């Protein structure tokens, strides 16, 4: 059984250990007070500016999380029909919904049309034409924004870079004029603006500054051709501090939004939209797991958890780092372990050579900063059950 909580060591992590001593693991634990604090900080930074924030549901589609964000008046960024339905059920206003993605199916487009969503973020000329056709059949006008590929390398992991010329997303700048003219010519299309997204887990503001310069140049170009947009959407991508989740539990929204306030030259009456995901929910969520065995071989000691890559795939997929804590141990002695899961894959490893308190069977572990791309990417590989979720305010 787990030992007593080491309050001195983990006093920043608001996890009620005693309450969950006997709760079956693994499960996700969410700190709703921290989520509220994060959302309030965003609201503070955009107050007084023509800015709108849409939460990127792909980061975490948990119903309770969605309902909390909807209560605060934020919009949503969606990438599937399932996400549209989940957002509707959570109470989001369709007039705040933007729908992204390179492969929207006809039923998904029709779902957006039927609910009069704020904008389809379109990624190709054929998509514009299909949306026009489907909207025409319903006697509707579809609002769209054209996603531009700005060819900016955000220098993050290659799997989460979205804004270079080699990526599948968006329309290349040299093809943009044609796409805009097609959209303007179609009878069932209303072109609201331009949409951009340069990548994910960006902590250096330089790529965002480069994006501002790219947008400024495009707005100047279209001004000269008497084409004006009512809104610009710069996507999301702001990263979090995975190394120090307690020290930097709320991301640097001030610096992020200030980059756009200083460097992006909006036109009169123009709105600026954002699609933040990870930065809103990552730090409020942790994966809680239990030690099944502590195993030793010739060169290694392993802590084997009952959670694996089916519950949190980021380390296996992206070689991502998460702070790992033994939240049961009060032992002042430490040892070095590989922290692994039970899945029949060699990549099912959360951390290698991790220095931790001496650990034993039954100890509870917390894998921090797992509120984004954790529960939402869980799978039933090896016929495992999906993790449950618990909340505290």
Protein backbone atom coordinates (compact mmCIF):
# COMPACT_ATOMS: atom_id res chain seq x y z
CA UNK A 1 0.00 0.00 0.00
CA UNK A 2 1.17 3.58 -0.59
CA UNK A 3 2.98 5.34 2.19
CA UNK A 4 2.22 8.74 3.69
CA UNK A 5 2.16 11.78 1.45
CA UNK A 6 5.36 13.78 1.37
CA UNK A 7 3.69 17.16 1.87
CA UNK A 8 6.92 19.14 1.96
CA UNK A 9 8.05 17.86 -1.41
CA UNK A 10 4.77 18.04 -3.28
CA UNK A 11 2.91 20.87 -1.61
CA UNK A 12 2.50 22.67 -4.96
CA UNK A 13 0.61 19.75 -6.50
CA UNK A 14 -3.02 19.94 -5.35
CA UNK A 15 -3.66 16.21 -5.35
CA UNK A 16 -5.64 14.84 -2.36
CA UNK A 17 -3.64 11.65 -1.92
CA UNK A 18 -5.61 10.19 0.95
CA UNK A 19 -8.89 10.58 -0.94
CA UNK A 20 -7.59 8.55 -3.87
CA UNK A 21 -5.52 5.93 -2.02
CA UNK A 22 -7.88 3.11 -2.96
CA UNK A 23 -9.13 4.48 -6.31
CA UNK A 24 -8.38 2.07 -9.17
CA UNK A 25 -5.59 3.34 -11.38
CA UNK A 26 -4.65 4.63 -13.88
CA UNK A 27 -6.82 7.74 -14.05
CA UNK A 28 -6.61 11.40 -15.01
CA UNK A 29 -6.81 14.03 -12.30
CA UNK A 30 -7.76 17.62 -13.16
CA UNK A 31 -7.30 20.74 -11.05
CA UNK A 32 -10.25 22.93 -12.09
CA UNK A 33 -9.02 25.81 -9.93
CA UNK A 34 -5.88 25.99 -12.05
CA UNK A 35 -7.96 25.75 -15.23
CA UNK A 36 -10.06 28.71 -14.06
CA UNK A 37 -6.91 30.68 -13.21
CA UNK A 38 -5.53 30.01 -16.68
CA UNK A 39 -8.73 31.07 -18.43
CA UNK A 40 -8.97 34.21 -16.30
CA UNK A 41 -5.41 35.18 -17.24
CA UNK A 42 -6.25 34.88 -20.94
CA UNK A 43 -9.37 37.01 -20.46
CA UNK A 44 -7.26 39.61 -18.67
CA UNK A 45 -4.68 39.79 -21.46
CA UNK A 46 -7.21 40.22 -24.29
CA UNK A 47 -9.53 42.64 -22.50
CA UNK A 48 -9.97 45.86 -24.47
CA UNK A 49 -8.64 44.36 -27.71
CA UNK A 50 -10.65 43.00 -30.68
CA UNK A 51 -9.40 39.51 -29.86
CA UNK A 52 -11.37 36.25 -29.72
CA UNK A 53 -10.03 32.97 -28.31
CA UNK A 54 -11.26 29.57 -29.49
CA UNK A 55 -10.25 26.57 -27.38
CA UNK A 56 -8.75 23.78 -29.53
CA UNK A 57 -10.84 20.78 -28.51
CA UNK A 58 -8.30 18.31 -29.91
CA UNK A 59 -6.11 19.07 -26.86
CA UNK A 60 -8.69 17.64 -24.47
CA UNK A 61 -12.32 16.82 -25.21
CA UNK A 62 -13.32 15.76 -21.70
CA UNK A 63 -16.93 16.85 -21.17
CA UNK A 64 -16.31 18.51 -17.81
CA UNK A 65 -13.31 20.41 -19.19
CA UNK A 66 -15.36 21.59 -22.17
CA UNK A 67 -18.22 22.73 -19.94
CA UNK A 68 -15.85 24.73 -17.73
CA UNK A 69 -14.37 26.52 -20.75
CA UNK A 70 -17.80 27.16 -22.27
CA UNK A 71 -18.98 28.80 -19.03
CA UNK A 72 -16.17 31.34 -19.39
CA UNK A 73 -17.48 32.45 -22.78
CA UNK A 74 -14.67 31.13 -24.98
CA UNK A 75 -15.21 29.76 -28.46
CA UNK A 76 -13.94 26.46 -29.84
CA UNK A 77 -11.66 25.25 -32.61
CA UNK A 78 -12.86 21.91 -34.00
CA UNK A 79 -11.34 19.30 -36.31
CA UNK A 80 -14.08 16.68 -36.69
CA UNK A 81 -17.81 16.19 -36.66
CA UNK A 82 -17.46 14.42 -33.34
CA UNK A 83 -15.84 17.50 -31.85
CA UNK A 84 -18.63 19.71 -33.23
CA UNK A 85 -21.18 17.47 -31.52
CA UNK A 86 -19.21 17.44 -28.25
CA UNK A 87 -18.94 21.24 -28.28
CA UNK A 88 -22.67 21.62 -28.87
CA UNK A 89 -23.43 19.26 -25.98
CA UNK A 90 -21.03 21.17 -23.70
CA UNK A 91 -22.92 24.41 -24.32
CA UNK A 92 -20.69 26.31 -26.74
CA UNK A 93 -22.39 28.84 -29.00
CA UNK A 94 -22.16 27.74 -32.67
CA UNK A 95 -21.43 31.37 -33.49
CA UNK A 96 -18.05 30.92 -31.77
CA UNK A 97 -17.09 27.67 -33.55
CA UNK A 98 -14.33 27.45 -36.15
CA UNK A 99 -13.88 24.15 -37.98
CA UNK A 100 -10.39 23.23 -39.19
CA UNK A 101 -8.92 20.16 -40.86
CA UNK A 102 -7.71 19.05 -44.28
CA UNK A 103 -10.20 16.22 -44.78
CA UNK A 104 -13.68 17.35 -43.77
CA UNK A 105 -16.28 14.86 -45.01
CA UNK A 106 -19.65 15.85 -46.48
CA UNK A 107 -21.58 14.78 -43.33
CA UNK A 108 -19.19 16.82 -41.17
CA UNK A 109 -19.55 19.89 -43.38
CA UNK A 110 -23.31 19.50 -43.33
CA UNK A 111 -23.25 19.34 -39.52
CA UNK A 112 -21.40 22.65 -39.44
CA UNK A 113 -23.79 24.19 -41.97
CA UNK A 114 -26.86 22.99 -40.09
CA UNK A 115 -25.58 24.69 -36.93
CA UNK A 116 -24.47 27.92 -38.67
CA UNK A 117 -20.93 27.79 -37.25
CA UNK A 118 -18.81 30.93 -37.31
CA UNK A 119 -16.29 29.74 -39.88
CA UNK A 120 -14.94 26.79 -41.81
CA UNK A 121 -11.13 27.09 -41.95
CA UNK A 122 -10.66 25.74 -45.49
CA UNK A 123 -7.40 24.25 -46.69
CA UNK A 124 -7.80 23.81 -50.46
CA UNK A 125 -9.72 25.16 -53.44
CA UNK A 126 -11.60 21.83 -53.86
CA UNK A 127 -12.81 22.16 -50.27
CA UNK A 128 -14.14 25.66 -50.96
CA UNK A 129 -16.03 24.33 -53.96
CA UNK A 130 -17.54 21.40 -52.02
CA UNK A 131 -18.66 23.65 -49.16
CA UNK A 132 -20.25 26.00 -51.71
CA UNK A 133 -22.12 23.11 -53.31
CA UNK A 134 -23.38 21.69 -50.01
CA UNK A 135 -24.38 25.13 -48.71
CA UNK A 136 -26.27 25.78 -51.96
CA UNK A 137 -28.33 22.63 -51.51
CA UNK A 138 -29.43 23.95 -48.12
CA UNK A 139 -30.03 27.50 -49.33
CA UNK A 140 -27.34 28.75 -46.96
CA UNK A 141 -24.26 30.96 -47.09
CA UNK A 142 -21.20 29.28 -45.56
CA UNK A 143 -18.71 31.46 -43.70
CA UNK A 144 -15.12 30.49 -44.42
CA UNK A 145 -11.55 31.54 -43.71
CA UNK A 146 -8.75 30.38 -45.97
CA UNK A 147 -5.87 28.68 -44.17
CA UNK A 148 -2.56 29.98 -45.42
CA UNK A 149 0.66 28.01 -45.15
CA UNK A 150 3.13 30.81 -44.28
CA UNK A 151 6.26 28.61 -44.70
CA UNK A 152 7.51 29.38 -41.19
CA UNK A 153 9.50 26.73 -39.32
CA UNK A 154 8.67 26.92 -35.62
CA UNK A 155 11.58 24.53 -34.81
CA UNK A 156 9.50 22.17 -32.71
CA UNK A 157 9.20 18.39 -33.11
CA UNK A 158 8.73 17.45 -36.76
CA UNK A 159 5.39 15.77 -35.95
CA UNK A 160 3.88 19.01 -34.60
CA UNK A 161 5.23 21.46 -37.18
CA UNK A 162 2.36 22.65 -39.39
CA UNK A 163 3.47 25.83 -41.12
CA UNK A 164 6.24 24.87 -43.56
CA UNK A 165 5.84 24.40 -47.30
CA UNK A 166 6.29 20.63 -46.90
CA UNK A 167 3.38 20.24 -44.46
CA UNK A 168 -0.06 19.03 -45.58
CA UNK A 169 -1.87 21.98 -44.01
CA UNK A 170 -3.10 25.14 -45.69
CA UNK A 171 -2.64 26.80 -49.06
CA UNK A 172 0.80 27.99 -50.16
CA UNK A 173 1.19 31.76 -50.32
CA UNK A 174 1.83 31.73 -54.08
CA UNK A 175 -1.55 30.02 -54.60
CA UNK A 176 -3.48 32.20 -52.15
CA UNK A 177 -4.65 34.84 -54.62
CA UNK A 178 -6.30 32.19 -56.77
CA UNK A 179 -8.03 30.64 -53.75
CA UNK A 180 -9.31 34.03 -52.57
CA UNK A 181 -10.68 34.88 -55.99
CA UNK A 182 -12.44 31.50 -56.25
CA UNK A 183 -14.03 32.01 -52.81
CA UNK A 184 -15.19 35.52 -53.73
CA UNK A 185 -16.77 34.24 -56.95
CA UNK A 186 -18.91 31.50 -55.40
CA UNK A 187 -22.54 32.37 -54.55
CA UNK A 188 -22.86 30.36 -51.34
CA UNK A 189 -19.56 31.37 -49.77
CA UNK A 190 -18.82 34.34 -47.51
CA UNK A 191 -15.08 34.85 -47.09
CA UNK A 192 -14.51 36.12 -43.56
CA UNK A 193 -10.73 36.15 -43.47
CA UNK A 194 -7.41 34.36 -43.45
CA UNK A 195 -6.29 31.62 -41.09
CA UNK A 196 -2.76 30.63 -40.05
CA UNK A 197 -1.11 28.10 -37.75
CA UNK A 198 2.66 27.58 -37.51
CA UNK A 199 3.00 24.66 -35.10
CA UNK A 200 2.71 23.52 -31.51
CA UNK A 201 4.64 23.73 -28.22
CA UNK A 202 6.29 27.01 -29.25
CA UNK A 203 8.01 28.78 -26.34
CA UNK A 204 10.16 31.22 -28.33
CA UNK A 205 8.09 34.17 -29.55
CA UNK A 206 10.20 34.59 -32.71
CA UNK A 207 7.97 32.36 -34.93
CA UNK A 208 4.94 34.37 -33.84
CA UNK A 209 6.75 37.60 -34.69
CA UNK A 210 7.61 36.16 -38.11
CA UNK A 211 3.96 35.24 -38.56
CA UNK A 212 2.93 38.84 -37.83
CA UNK A 213 5.27 40.09 -40.54
CA UNK A 214 3.88 37.56 -43.02
CA UNK A 215 0.29 38.57 -42.21
CA UNK A 216 1.15 42.26 -42.49
CA UNK A 217 2.60 41.71 -45.95
CA UNK A 218 -0.46 39.78 -47.13
CA UNK A 219 -2.86 42.42 -45.80
CA UNK A 220 -0.90 45.11 -47.65
CA UNK A 221 -1.08 43.04 -50.83
CA UNK A 222 -4.83 42.50 -50.63
CA UNK A 223 -5.43 46.14 -49.67
CA UNK A 224 -3.82 47.12 -52.97
CA UNK A 225 -6.28 44.82 -54.73
CA UNK A 226 -9.24 46.23 -52.81
CA UNK A 227 -9.86 42.97 -50.96
CA UNK A 228 -10.51 43.34 -47.24
CA UNK A 229 -11.00 40.77 -44.49
CA UNK A 230 -13.16 41.12 -41.40
CA UNK A 231 -10.94 38.83 -39.34
CA UNK A 232 -7.52 37.22 -39.13
CA UNK A 233 -7.01 33.92 -37.31
CA UNK A 234 -3.43 33.23 -36.18
CA UNK A 235 -4.12 29.80 -34.69
CA UNK A 236 -2.44 28.67 -31.50
CA UNK A 237 0.81 26.90 -30.72
CA UNK A 238 1.86 28.54 -27.46
CA UNK A 239 3.84 26.03 -25.42
CA UNK A 240 4.04 25.25 -21.72
CA UNK A 241 6.86 24.54 -19.26
CA UNK A 242 7.02 20.75 -19.03
CA UNK A 243 10.14 20.95 -16.84
CA UNK A 244 8.67 23.11 -14.05
CA UNK A 245 4.89 22.61 -13.95
CA UNK A 246 4.53 24.07 -10.45
CA UNK A 247 6.77 27.10 -11.00
CA UNK A 248 5.14 27.97 -14.34
CA UNK A 249 1.66 26.53 -13.97
CA UNK A 250 0.13 29.31 -16.11
CA UNK A 251 1.86 29.95 -19.48
CA UNK A 252 3.30 33.31 -20.48
CA UNK A 253 0.16 34.69 -22.09
CA UNK A 254 1.27 38.27 -21.51
CA UNK A 255 4.34 37.89 -23.70
CA UNK A 256 2.40 35.87 -26.28
CA UNK A 257 -0.46 38.33 -26.76
CA UNK A 258 1.91 41.30 -26.51
CA UNK A 259 3.76 39.99 -29.57
CA UNK A 260 0.59 40.37 -31.64
CA UNK A 261 -0.39 43.66 -30.01
CA UNK A 262 2.95 45.19 -30.99
CA UNK A 263 3.67 43.59 -34.33
CA UNK A 264 0.42 42.76 -36.11
CA UNK A 265 -1.16 45.70 -37.94
CA UNK A 266 -4.87 45.03 -37.85
CA UNK A 267 -7.11 47.12 -40.08
CA UNK A 268 -9.93 49.23 -38.67
CA UNK A 269 -12.78 47.03 -37.49
CA UNK A 270 -10.78 43.84 -37.99
CA UNK A 271 -10.83 41.08 -35.35
CA UNK A 272 -7.92 38.84 -34.40
CA UNK A 273 -8.75 35.23 -33.50
CA UNK A 274 -6.65 32.64 -31.67
CA UNK A 275 -6.93 28.86 -31.29
CA UNK A 276 -5.22 27.94 -28.03
CA UNK A 277 -5.30 24.36 -26.77
CA UNK A 278 -2.31 22.95 -24.93
CA UNK A 279 -1.59 26.21 -23.11
CA UNK A 280 -5.11 26.20 -21.63
CA UNK A 281 -5.38 22.64 -20.32
CA UNK A 282 -1.95 20.94 -20.14
CA UNK A 283 -0.89 21.99 -16.66
CA UNK A 284 -4.23 21.31 -14.97
CA UNK A 285 -4.12 17.58 -15.74
CA UNK A 286 -1.98 14.71 -14.41
CA UNK A 287 -2.00 10.99 -15.06
CA UNK A 288 -2.08 9.02 -11.80
CA UNK A 289 -0.71 5.48 -11.86
CA UNK A 290 0.33 2.79 -9.40
CA UNK A 291 3.57 0.82 -9.21
CA UNK A 292 2.93 -2.79 -10.15
CA UNK A 293 6.50 -4.03 -9.77
CA UNK A 294 10.01 -2.73 -9.20
CA UNK A 295 12.31 -4.83 -11.35
CA UNK A 296 16.10 -4.99 -11.54
CA UNK A 297 18.33 -6.46 -14.22
CA UNK A 298 22.08 -6.32 -14.78
CA UNK A 299 22.27 -2.62 -15.66
CA UNK A 300 18.86 -1.12 -14.90
CA UNK A 301 16.16 -0.72 -12.34
CA UNK A 302 12.62 -0.42 -13.64
CA UNK A 303 9.50 1.03 -12.06
CA UNK A 304 6.65 -0.69 -13.87
CA UNK A 305 3.40 1.26 -13.70
CA UNK A 306 -0.14 0.17 -14.47
CA UNK A 307 -0.36 3.12 -16.90
CA UNK A 308 1.23 2.92 -20.29
CA UNK A 309 1.40 4.47 -23.74
CA UNK A 310 -2.29 3.63 -24.19
CA UNK A 311 -3.06 6.18 -21.46
CA UNK A 312 -0.42 8.80 -22.36
CA UNK A 313 1.21 8.36 -25.75
CA UNK A 314 3.26 11.58 -25.92
CA UNK A 315 6.56 10.10 -24.63
CA UNK A 316 6.34 7.17 -27.07
CA UNK A 317 5.14 9.25 -30.03
CA UNK A 318 7.12 12.49 -29.60
CA UNK A 319 9.86 11.47 -27.13
CA UNK A 320 8.17 14.05 -24.91
CA UNK A 321 9.31 14.74 -21.36
CA UNK A 322 6.92 14.89 -18.40
CA UNK A 323 7.83 15.45 -14.78
CA UNK A 324 7.25 12.20 -12.89
CA UNK A 325 6.66 12.18 -9.14
CA UNK A 326 6.31 9.41 -6.60
CA UNK A 327 3.56 11.08 -4.57
CA UNK A 328 3.37 8.27 -2.00
CA UNK A 329 6.98 7.98 -0.93
CA UNK A 330 8.29 9.82 2.11
CA UNK A 331 11.68 8.17 1.70
CA UNK A 332 14.54 10.68 1.62
CA UNK A 333 16.75 8.17 -0.17
CA UNK A 334 16.64 8.08 -3.96
CA UNK A 335 17.48 5.76 -6.79
CA UNK A 336 17.59 5.86 -10.58
CA UNK A 337 14.90 4.07 -12.56
CA UNK A 338 13.46 3.67 -16.01
CA UNK A 339 9.74 4.36 -15.59
CA UNK A 340 7.81 2.09 -17.94
CA UNK A 341 4.33 0.78 -18.62
CA UNK A 342 2.82 -2.68 -19.17
CA UNK A 343 2.18 -2.43 -22.92
CA UNK A 344 3.83 -4.99 -25.21
CA UNK A 345 5.92 -2.38 -27.03
CA UNK A 346 9.54 -1.37 -26.43
CA UNK A 347 8.52 2.29 -26.82
CA UNK A 348 6.21 2.05 -23.79
CA UNK A 349 8.58 4.14 -21.65
CA UNK A 350 7.71 7.32 -19.75
CA UNK A 351 11.28 8.19 -18.70
CA UNK A 352 14.77 6.74 -18.66
CA UNK A 353 17.32 7.15 -15.87
CA UNK A 354 14.88 9.12 -13.75
CA UNK A 355 16.04 9.99 -10.22
CA UNK A 356 13.16 9.29 -7.82
CA UNK A 357 12.57 8.49 -4.16
CA UNK A 358 13.13 4.81 -3.47
CA UNK A 359 9.95 3.28 -4.86
CA UNK A 360 8.02 0.13 -4.08
CA UNK A 361 5.03 -1.84 -5.21
CA UNK A 362 1.78 0.06 -4.55
CA UNK A 363 3.24 3.58 -4.62
CA UNK A 364 1.23 6.19 -6.51
CA UNK A 365 2.96 8.14 -9.27
CA UNK A 366 1.87 11.39 -10.92
CA UNK A 367 2.87 12.13 -14.50
CA UNK A 368 2.48 15.86 -14.72
CA UNK A 369 1.44 18.34 -17.46
CA UNK A 370 -0.75 15.66 -19.04
CA UNK A 371 -3.95 17.68 -19.47
CA UNK A 372 -3.30 18.17 -23.19
CA UNK A 373 -2.95 15.30 -25.67
CA UNK A 374 -3.24 12.80 -22.83
CA UNK A 375 -6.72 11.49 -22.16
CA UNK A 376 -7.89 12.63 -25.59
CA UNK A 377 -5.31 10.37 -27.34
CA UNK A 378 -5.85 7.33 -25.12
CA UNK A 379 -6.49 4.04 -26.89
CA UNK A 380 -7.64 0.50 -26.15
CA UNK A 381 -4.57 -1.17 -27.61
CA UNK A 382 -3.91 -4.51 -25.82
CA UNK A 383 -7.67 -4.43 -25.05
CA UNK A 384 -7.06 -2.11 -22.13
CA UNK A 385 -9.76 0.00 -20.54
CA UNK A 386 -9.74 3.77 -21.13
CA UNK A 387 -8.69 5.76 -18.05
CA UNK A 388 -11.36 7.48 -15.97
CA UNK A 389 -11.14 11.11 -14.92
CA UNK A 390 -11.57 12.88 -11.57
CA UNK A 391 -11.73 16.57 -10.71
CA UNK A 392 -11.01 18.96 -7.87
CA UNK A 393 -11.70 22.66 -7.58
